[in-house]
């Protein structure tokens, strides 16, 4: 992975999508993070990463996660649309 790649971070708290920034001693930081949410109409992105957190934070660092993987083309397109407001 290189800086700016759109990745999915699966943690014990859920799945998050963002732009890879850096890794450290057991940590990973992503920029423009969005929590994945499911409802009756399908999958989407929350406005933040937790219920009590700041809306649309600039970055988040995970100290504990299960795995990280690049996202597929459809998710990357939806993520970029959600974070930029531009329809691709």
N, C-alpha and C. Protein backbone atom coordinates (compact mmCIF):
# COMPACT_ATOMS: atom_id res chain seq x y z
N UNK A 1 0.84 -1.18 0.00
CA UNK A 1 0.00 0.00 0.00
C UNK A 1 0.88 1.24 0.00
N UNK A 2 0.39 2.22 -0.71
CA UNK A 2 1.11 3.49 -0.69
C UNK A 2 0.19 4.60 -0.18
N UNK A 3 0.77 5.67 0.29
CA UNK A 3 0.02 6.78 0.85
C UNK A 3 -1.03 7.25 -0.15
N UNK A 4 -2.27 7.38 0.32
CA UNK A 4 -3.36 7.83 -0.52
C UNK A 4 -4.23 6.72 -1.09
N UNK A 5 -3.75 5.47 -1.04
CA UNK A 5 -4.58 4.34 -1.49
C UNK A 5 -5.81 4.22 -0.60
N UNK A 6 -6.96 3.94 -1.19
CA UNK A 6 -8.18 3.75 -0.42
C UNK A 6 -8.19 2.32 0.11
N UNK A 7 -8.29 2.20 1.43
CA UNK A 7 -8.22 0.90 2.09
C UNK A 7 -9.39 0.71 3.04
N UNK A 8 -9.61 -0.54 3.38
CA UNK A 8 -10.59 -0.91 4.39
C UNK A 8 -9.84 -1.44 5.60
N UNK A 9 -10.16 -0.89 6.78
CA UNK A 9 -9.57 -1.36 8.03
C UNK A 9 -10.68 -2.06 8.80
N UNK A 10 -10.49 -3.33 9.06
CA UNK A 10 -11.46 -4.08 9.85
C UNK A 10 -10.93 -4.14 11.28
N UNK A 11 -11.72 -3.59 12.20
CA UNK A 11 -11.33 -3.57 13.61
C UNK A 11 -12.38 -4.31 14.42
N UNK A 12 -12.15 -4.44 15.70
CA UNK A 12 -13.14 -5.07 16.57
C UNK A 12 -14.41 -4.22 16.67
N UNK A 13 -14.31 -2.92 16.36
CA UNK A 13 -15.46 -2.02 16.43
C UNK A 13 -16.23 -1.93 15.12
N UNK A 14 -15.70 -2.48 14.04
CA UNK A 14 -16.39 -2.41 12.76
C UNK A 14 -15.42 -2.24 11.60
N UNK A 15 -15.97 -1.88 10.46
CA UNK A 15 -15.16 -1.71 9.24
C UNK A 15 -15.14 -0.24 8.85
N UNK A 16 -13.96 0.25 8.50
CA UNK A 16 -13.75 1.65 8.18
C UNK A 16 -13.02 1.76 6.85
N UNK A 17 -13.37 2.77 6.06
CA UNK A 17 -12.72 3.02 4.78
C UNK A 17 -12.07 4.39 4.85
N UNK A 18 -10.87 4.49 4.31
CA UNK A 18 -10.17 5.77 4.27
C UNK A 18 -8.94 5.68 3.40
N UNK A 19 -8.21 6.78 3.32
CA UNK A 19 -6.98 6.82 2.53
C UNK A 19 -5.79 6.48 3.43
N UNK A 20 -5.05 5.45 3.03
CA UNK A 20 -3.89 5.03 3.80
C UNK A 20 -2.94 6.20 3.98
N UNK A 21 -2.48 6.37 5.23
CA UNK A 21 -1.52 7.42 5.53
C UNK A 21 -0.20 6.82 5.98
N UNK A 22 -0.24 6.04 7.08
CA UNK A 22 1.01 5.52 7.64
C UNK A 22 0.74 4.33 8.55
N UNK A 23 1.80 3.57 8.81
CA UNK A 23 1.75 2.53 9.82
C UNK A 23 2.86 2.80 10.82
N UNK A 24 2.65 2.30 12.02
CA UNK A 24 3.65 2.44 13.07
C UNK A 24 3.75 1.15 13.84
N UNK A 25 4.18 1.22 15.05
CA UNK A 25 4.33 0.04 15.91
C UNK A 25 2.95 -0.51 16.28
N UNK A 26 2.40 -1.35 15.40
CA UNK A 26 1.08 -1.93 15.65
C UNK A 26 -0.08 -1.01 15.39
N UNK A 27 0.14 0.10 14.70
CA UNK A 27 -0.92 1.05 14.41
C UNK A 27 -1.04 1.28 12.91
N UNK A 28 -2.18 1.80 12.51
CA UNK A 28 -2.38 2.26 11.14
C UNK A 28 -3.19 3.54 11.20
N UNK A 29 -2.82 4.51 10.39
CA UNK A 29 -3.53 5.79 10.31
C UNK A 29 -4.13 5.93 8.92
N UNK A 30 -5.44 6.28 8.87
CA UNK A 30 -6.08 6.56 7.60
C UNK A 30 -6.65 7.97 7.64
N UNK A 31 -6.64 8.63 6.49
CA UNK A 31 -7.20 9.97 6.34
C UNK A 31 -8.62 9.88 5.82
N UNK A 32 -9.43 10.90 6.11
CA UNK A 32 -10.84 10.96 5.69
C UNK A 32 -11.57 9.66 6.00
N UNK A 33 -11.51 9.17 7.25
CA UNK A 33 -12.13 7.88 7.57
C UNK A 33 -13.65 7.94 7.56
N UNK A 34 -14.24 6.86 7.12
CA UNK A 34 -15.70 6.71 7.15
C UNK A 34 -16.02 5.31 7.66
N UNK A 35 -16.97 5.23 8.56
CA UNK A 35 -17.44 3.94 9.07
C UNK A 35 -18.45 3.38 8.09
N UNK A 36 -18.31 2.11 7.77
CA UNK A 36 -19.29 1.45 6.92
C UNK A 36 -20.53 1.12 7.74
N UNK A 37 -21.70 1.40 7.18
CA UNK A 37 -22.96 1.08 7.84
C UNK A 37 -23.85 0.31 6.88
N UNK A 38 -24.67 -0.56 7.44
CA UNK A 38 -25.64 -1.34 6.66
C UNK A 38 -27.04 -0.98 7.14
N UNK A 39 -27.96 -0.86 6.19
CA UNK A 39 -29.37 -0.72 6.55
C UNK A 39 -30.21 -1.46 5.52
N UNK A 40 -31.51 -1.28 5.57
CA UNK A 40 -32.39 -2.04 4.68
C UNK A 40 -32.20 -1.71 3.21
N UNK A 41 -31.61 -0.57 2.89
CA UNK A 41 -31.40 -0.21 1.49
C UNK A 41 -30.00 -0.56 0.99
N UNK A 42 -29.14 -1.04 1.88
CA UNK A 42 -27.80 -1.44 1.46
C UNK A 42 -26.72 -0.85 2.33
N UNK A 43 -25.53 -0.74 1.74
CA UNK A 43 -24.36 -0.27 2.45
C UNK A 43 -24.14 1.22 2.19
N UNK A 44 -23.58 1.90 3.20
CA UNK A 44 -23.27 3.31 3.04
C UNK A 44 -22.18 3.72 4.02
N UNK A 45 -21.91 5.01 4.06
CA UNK A 45 -20.87 5.55 4.93
C UNK A 45 -21.48 6.48 5.96
N UNK A 46 -21.07 6.33 7.21
CA UNK A 46 -21.50 7.23 8.27
C UNK A 46 -20.74 8.55 8.14
N UNK A 47 -21.23 9.58 8.81
CA UNK A 47 -20.60 10.89 8.78
C UNK A 47 -19.39 10.98 9.70
N UNK A 48 -19.10 9.93 10.41
CA UNK A 48 -17.96 9.92 11.32
C UNK A 48 -17.52 8.49 11.55
N UNK A 49 -16.80 8.30 12.63
CA UNK A 49 -16.32 6.95 12.91
C UNK A 49 -16.90 6.36 14.19
N UNK A 50 -17.61 7.18 14.97
CA UNK A 50 -18.29 6.67 16.16
C UNK A 50 -19.43 7.62 16.50
N UNK A 51 -20.36 7.15 17.29
CA UNK A 51 -21.56 7.92 17.61
C UNK A 51 -21.23 9.25 18.29
N UNK A 52 -20.28 9.24 19.22
CA UNK A 52 -20.00 10.46 19.99
C UNK A 52 -18.83 11.27 19.43
N UNK A 53 -18.24 10.82 18.34
CA UNK A 53 -17.06 11.50 17.80
C UNK A 53 -17.40 12.67 16.90
N UNK A 54 -16.38 13.39 16.54
CA UNK A 54 -16.47 14.52 15.62
C UNK A 54 -16.98 14.04 14.26
N UNK A 55 -17.84 14.81 13.65
CA UNK A 55 -18.33 14.48 12.31
C UNK A 55 -17.22 14.68 11.29
N UNK A 56 -17.03 13.71 10.43
CA UNK A 56 -16.04 13.76 9.36
C UNK A 56 -14.63 14.16 9.83
N UNK A 57 -14.02 13.37 10.72
CA UNK A 57 -12.67 13.70 11.18
C UNK A 57 -11.66 13.61 10.04
N UNK A 58 -10.56 14.33 10.18
CA UNK A 58 -9.52 14.35 9.15
C UNK A 58 -8.72 13.05 9.10
N UNK A 59 -8.50 12.44 10.26
CA UNK A 59 -7.75 11.19 10.31
C UNK A 59 -8.09 10.42 11.57
N UNK A 60 -7.76 9.14 11.55
CA UNK A 60 -7.91 8.30 12.73
C UNK A 60 -6.77 7.30 12.73
N UNK A 61 -6.29 7.00 13.93
CA UNK A 61 -5.24 5.99 14.09
C UNK A 61 -5.81 4.83 14.87
N UNK A 62 -5.69 3.63 14.29
CA UNK A 62 -6.15 2.42 14.94
C UNK A 62 -4.97 1.76 15.64
N UNK A 63 -5.13 1.49 16.94
CA UNK A 63 -4.07 0.82 17.69
C UNK A 63 -4.28 -0.68 17.70
N UNK A 64 -5.47 -1.11 17.33
CA UNK A 64 -5.77 -2.53 17.29
C UNK A 64 -6.71 -2.76 16.11
N UNK A 65 -6.32 -3.65 15.22
CA UNK A 65 -7.17 -3.95 14.07
C UNK A 65 -6.95 -5.40 13.66
N UNK A 66 -7.92 -5.94 12.95
CA UNK A 66 -7.87 -7.33 12.54
C UNK A 66 -7.06 -7.47 11.25
N UNK A 67 -7.41 -6.66 10.23
CA UNK A 67 -6.64 -6.64 8.99
C UNK A 67 -6.94 -5.38 8.20
N UNK A 68 -6.11 -5.13 7.20
CA UNK A 68 -6.25 -4.01 6.27
C UNK A 68 -6.16 -4.56 4.87
N UNK A 69 -7.02 -4.05 3.98
CA UNK A 69 -7.00 -4.51 2.60
C UNK A 69 -7.40 -3.37 1.66
N UNK A 70 -6.85 -3.35 0.46
CA UNK A 70 -7.34 -2.38 -0.52
C UNK A 70 -8.81 -2.67 -0.82
N UNK A 71 -9.59 -1.64 -1.11
CA UNK A 71 -11.00 -1.83 -1.42
C UNK A 71 -11.19 -2.15 -2.90
N UNK A 72 -12.37 -2.67 -3.23
CA UNK A 72 -12.65 -2.93 -4.65
C UNK A 72 -13.03 -1.64 -5.35
N UNK A 73 -13.12 -1.70 -6.66
CA UNK A 73 -13.38 -0.52 -7.49
C UNK A 73 -14.68 0.20 -7.13
N UNK A 74 -15.76 -0.56 -6.89
CA UNK A 74 -17.05 0.05 -6.57
C UNK A 74 -17.01 0.80 -5.24
N UNK A 75 -16.36 0.22 -4.25
CA UNK A 75 -16.26 0.88 -2.94
C UNK A 75 -15.39 2.13 -3.04
N UNK A 76 -14.30 2.05 -3.78
CA UNK A 76 -13.45 3.24 -3.94
C UNK A 76 -14.22 4.37 -4.61
N UNK A 77 -14.99 4.06 -5.63
CA UNK A 77 -15.78 5.08 -6.33
C UNK A 77 -16.81 5.70 -5.37
N UNK A 78 -17.51 4.86 -4.61
CA UNK A 78 -18.52 5.35 -3.66
C UNK A 78 -17.86 6.19 -2.55
N UNK A 79 -16.71 5.75 -2.07
CA UNK A 79 -15.99 6.48 -1.03
C UNK A 79 -15.56 7.85 -1.54
N UNK A 80 -14.97 7.88 -2.72
CA UNK A 80 -14.51 9.18 -3.27
C UNK A 80 -15.68 10.12 -3.50
N UNK A 81 -16.81 9.58 -3.91
CA UNK A 81 -18.00 10.41 -4.09
C UNK A 81 -18.48 10.93 -2.73
N UNK A 82 -18.48 10.08 -1.71
CA UNK A 82 -18.95 10.48 -0.38
C UNK A 82 -18.03 11.53 0.26
N UNK A 83 -16.74 11.45 0.01
CA UNK A 83 -15.82 12.38 0.65
C UNK A 83 -15.60 13.66 -0.15
N UNK A 84 -15.83 13.61 -1.44
CA UNK A 84 -15.61 14.81 -2.26
C UNK A 84 -16.90 15.52 -2.64
N UNK A 85 -18.02 14.77 -2.64
CA UNK A 85 -19.27 15.35 -3.08
C UNK A 85 -19.44 15.32 -4.59
N UNK A 86 -18.42 14.88 -5.31
CA UNK A 86 -18.49 14.80 -6.77
C UNK A 86 -19.04 13.44 -7.18
N UNK A 87 -19.91 13.44 -8.16
CA UNK A 87 -20.45 12.20 -8.68
C UNK A 87 -19.51 11.71 -9.76
N UNK A 88 -19.00 10.48 -9.58
CA UNK A 88 -18.05 9.93 -10.55
C UNK A 88 -18.73 9.03 -11.54
